[in-house]
Amino acid sequence: MKAESVPFTEKELRCSGFDIIRWLDIPPGPQVADIKRRLVAHCAVHPADNEPEKLKKIAVDIHVNGAE
């Protein structure tokens, strides 16, 4: 899994909480942390999605639809 660059922590995501705040125009807080946790879970299954543009699309989908 490490060879595939699977993120094991939020710090290994190729985006930050500040990116999520900017992308979604939301304030800092628990919602940002929840989205980051869900992005890590998504990337554990789909490691190729750990790229900023893909993460942005997934974060928007999570925020708008509650989906992952």
N, C-alpha and C. Protein backbone atom coordinates (compact mmCIF):
# COMPACT_ATOMS: atom_id res chain seq x y z
N MET A 1 0.81 -1.19 0.00
CA MET A 1 0.00 0.00 0.00
C MET A 1 0.86 1.26 0.00
N LYS A 2 1.96 1.22 0.71
CA LYS A 2 2.85 2.38 0.72
C LYS A 2 3.39 2.65 -0.68
N ALA A 3 3.70 1.59 -1.43
CA ALA A 3 4.23 1.75 -2.79
C ALA A 3 3.22 2.42 -3.70
N GLU A 4 1.93 2.26 -3.41
CA GLU A 4 0.88 2.88 -4.21
C GLU A 4 0.56 4.29 -3.73
N SER A 5 1.29 4.79 -2.75
CA SER A 5 1.08 6.12 -2.17
C SER A 5 -0.29 6.26 -1.52
N VAL A 6 -0.75 5.21 -0.89
CA VAL A 6 -2.02 5.27 -0.18
C VAL A 6 -1.82 6.13 1.07
N PRO A 7 -2.63 7.19 1.23
CA PRO A 7 -2.48 8.01 2.44
C PRO A 7 -3.05 7.28 3.66
N PHE A 8 -2.27 7.24 4.71
CA PHE A 8 -2.72 6.59 5.95
C PHE A 8 -3.20 7.62 6.96
N THR A 9 -2.83 8.87 6.75
CA THR A 9 -3.23 9.94 7.66
C THR A 9 -3.68 11.14 6.85
N GLU A 10 -4.34 12.06 7.52
CA GLU A 10 -4.78 13.30 6.86
C GLU A 10 -3.58 14.11 6.36
N LYS A 11 -2.47 14.01 7.05
CA LYS A 11 -1.28 14.76 6.63
C LYS A 11 -0.72 14.26 5.30
N GLU A 12 -1.04 13.02 4.94
CA GLU A 12 -0.55 12.46 3.68
C GLU A 12 -1.45 12.77 2.49
N LEU A 13 -2.60 13.40 2.76
CA LEU A 13 -3.45 13.84 1.65
C LEU A 13 -2.73 14.95 0.89
N ARG A 14 -2.99 15.05 -0.38
CA ARG A 14 -2.37 16.08 -1.20
C ARG A 14 -3.21 17.35 -1.19
N CYS A 15 -3.89 17.59 -0.07
CA CYS A 15 -4.61 18.83 0.16
C CYS A 15 -4.61 19.08 1.66
N SER A 16 -4.88 20.32 2.03
CA SER A 16 -4.91 20.68 3.44
C SER A 16 -6.31 21.12 3.82
N GLY A 17 -6.50 21.33 5.10
CA GLY A 17 -7.77 21.89 5.56
C GLY A 17 -8.02 23.26 4.95
N PHE A 18 -6.95 24.03 4.77
CA PHE A 18 -7.09 25.35 4.15
C PHE A 18 -7.57 25.23 2.71
N ASP A 19 -7.10 24.20 1.98
CA ASP A 19 -7.59 23.96 0.62
C ASP A 19 -9.10 23.69 0.64
N ILE A 20 -9.52 22.84 1.54
CA ILE A 20 -10.94 22.48 1.64
C ILE A 20 -11.78 23.71 1.97
N ILE A 21 -11.30 24.52 2.90
CA ILE A 21 -12.00 25.75 3.26
C ILE A 21 -12.15 26.65 2.04
N ARG A 22 -11.09 26.78 1.28
CA ARG A 22 -11.10 27.64 0.09
C ARG A 22 -12.00 27.05 -1.00
N TRP A 23 -11.86 25.75 -1.25
CA TRP A 23 -12.65 25.11 -2.30
C TRP A 23 -14.14 25.21 -2.03
N LEU A 24 -14.54 25.02 -0.78
CA LEU A 24 -15.95 24.92 -0.44
C LEU A 24 -16.53 26.20 0.14
N ASP A 25 -15.66 27.18 0.39
CA ASP A 25 -16.08 28.44 0.99
C ASP A 25 -16.85 28.19 2.29
N ILE A 26 -16.22 27.40 3.17
CA ILE A 26 -16.80 27.09 4.48
C ILE A 26 -15.83 27.53 5.56
N PRO A 27 -16.33 27.77 6.77
CA PRO A 27 -15.43 28.17 7.86
C PRO A 27 -14.66 26.98 8.41
N PRO A 28 -13.54 27.25 9.08
CA PRO A 28 -12.81 26.18 9.76
C PRO A 28 -13.73 25.53 10.81
N GLY A 29 -13.56 24.26 11.01
CA GLY A 29 -14.36 23.59 12.04
C GLY A 29 -14.52 22.11 11.78
N PRO A 30 -15.45 21.51 12.50
CA PRO A 30 -15.63 20.05 12.43
C PRO A 30 -15.99 19.55 11.04
N GLN A 31 -16.67 20.35 10.24
CA GLN A 31 -17.04 19.91 8.89
C GLN A 31 -15.79 19.68 8.04
N VAL A 32 -14.80 20.53 8.19
CA VAL A 32 -13.54 20.37 7.44
C VAL A 32 -12.85 19.08 7.88
N ALA A 33 -12.80 18.85 9.18
CA ALA A 33 -12.17 17.63 9.70
C ALA A 33 -12.90 16.38 9.20
N ASP A 34 -14.23 16.43 9.15
CA ASP A 34 -15.01 15.29 8.66
C ASP A 34 -14.70 15.02 7.19
N ILE A 35 -14.63 16.07 6.40
CA ILE A 35 -14.33 15.90 4.98
C ILE A 35 -12.94 15.31 4.80
N LYS A 36 -11.97 15.79 5.58
CA LYS A 36 -10.61 15.24 5.47
C LYS A 36 -10.59 13.75 5.82
N ARG A 37 -11.31 13.37 6.87
CA ARG A 37 -11.37 11.94 7.24
C ARG A 37 -11.99 11.12 6.11
N ARG A 38 -13.02 11.66 5.49
CA ARG A 38 -13.68 10.94 4.41
C ARG A 38 -12.80 10.87 3.16
N LEU A 39 -11.99 11.90 2.94
CA LEU A 39 -11.05 11.86 1.82
C LEU A 39 -9.98 10.79 2.04
N VAL A 40 -9.48 10.67 3.26
CA VAL A 40 -8.50 9.62 3.57
C VAL A 40 -9.12 8.24 3.32
N ALA A 41 -10.35 8.05 3.78
CA ALA A 41 -11.02 6.76 3.59
C ALA A 41 -11.22 6.47 2.10
N HIS A 42 -11.59 7.49 1.35
CA HIS A 42 -11.76 7.31 -0.10
C HIS A 42 -10.44 6.91 -0.75
N CYS A 43 -9.37 7.63 -0.40
CA CYS A 43 -8.07 7.38 -1.02
C CYS A 43 -7.45 6.05 -0.59
N ALA A 44 -7.90 5.51 0.53
CA ALA A 44 -7.42 4.19 0.93
C ALA A 44 -7.88 3.14 -0.08
N VAL A 45 -9.04 3.37 -0.68
CA VAL A 45 -9.58 2.46 -1.68
C VAL A 45 -9.16 2.88 -3.09
N HIS A 46 -9.02 4.18 -3.30
CA HIS A 46 -8.69 4.73 -4.62
C HIS A 46 -7.45 5.63 -4.52
N PRO A 47 -6.26 5.04 -4.33
CA PRO A 47 -5.06 5.84 -4.09
C PRO A 47 -4.73 6.82 -5.22
N ALA A 48 -5.11 6.51 -6.44
CA ALA A 48 -4.82 7.42 -7.56
C ALA A 48 -5.58 8.74 -7.43
N ASP A 49 -6.62 8.78 -6.60
CA ASP A 49 -7.39 10.00 -6.42
C ASP A 49 -6.73 10.98 -5.45
N ASN A 50 -5.58 10.62 -4.89
CA ASN A 50 -4.89 11.52 -3.97
C ASN A 50 -4.10 12.57 -4.75
N GLU A 51 -4.82 13.33 -5.54
CA GLU A 51 -4.29 14.45 -6.32
C GLU A 51 -5.19 15.64 -6.07
N PRO A 52 -4.62 16.83 -5.95
CA PRO A 52 -5.43 18.00 -5.57
C PRO A 52 -6.71 18.20 -6.37
N GLU A 53 -6.66 18.10 -7.67
CA GLU A 53 -7.87 18.34 -8.47
C GLU A 53 -8.93 17.26 -8.24
N LYS A 54 -8.50 16.03 -8.10
CA LYS A 54 -9.45 14.94 -7.83
C LYS A 54 -10.02 15.09 -6.43
N LEU A 55 -9.17 15.43 -5.46
CA LEU A 55 -9.63 15.62 -4.09
C LEU A 55 -10.64 16.76 -4.01
N LYS A 56 -10.41 17.81 -4.79
CA LYS A 56 -11.35 18.94 -4.81
C LYS A 56 -12.72 18.47 -5.28
N LYS A 57 -12.77 17.72 -6.36
CA LYS A 57 -14.05 17.22 -6.88
C LYS A 57 -14.76 16.33 -5.86
N ILE A 58 -14.00 15.48 -5.20
CA ILE A 58 -14.58 14.58 -4.21
C ILE A 58 -15.09 15.38 -3.01
N ALA A 59 -14.31 16.37 -2.57
CA ALA A 59 -14.71 17.20 -1.43
C ALA A 59 -16.00 17.97 -1.75
N VAL A 60 -16.10 18.49 -2.96
CA VAL A 60 -17.32 19.20 -3.37
C VAL A 60 -18.50 18.23 -3.33
N ASP A 61 -18.31 17.02 -3.84
CA ASP A 61 -19.38 16.03 -3.84
C ASP A 61 -19.81 15.68 -2.42
N ILE A 62 -18.85 15.50 -1.54
CA ILE A 62 -19.16 15.22 -0.13
C ILE A 62 -19.96 16.37 0.46
N HIS A 63 -19.51 17.58 0.20
CA HIS A 63 -20.15 18.77 0.78
C HIS A 63 -21.57 18.96 0.24
N VAL A 64 -21.74 18.80 -1.06
CA VAL A 64 -23.05 19.05 -1.69
C VAL A 64 -24.02 17.91 -1.48
N ASN A 65 -23.54 16.70 -1.67
CA ASN A 65 -24.42 15.53 -1.66
C ASN A 65 -24.31 14.67 -0.41
N GLY A 66 -23.32 14.94 0.43
CA GLY A 66 -23.10 14.09 1.58
C GLY A 66 -22.53 12.74 1.18
N ALA A 67 -22.18 12.62 -0.09
CA ALA A 67 -21.67 11.35 -0.62
C ALA A 67 -20.17 11.31 -0.58
N GLU A 68 -19.63 10.14 -0.81
CA GLU A 68 -18.18 9.98 -0.87
C GLU A 68 -17.79 9.19 -2.07
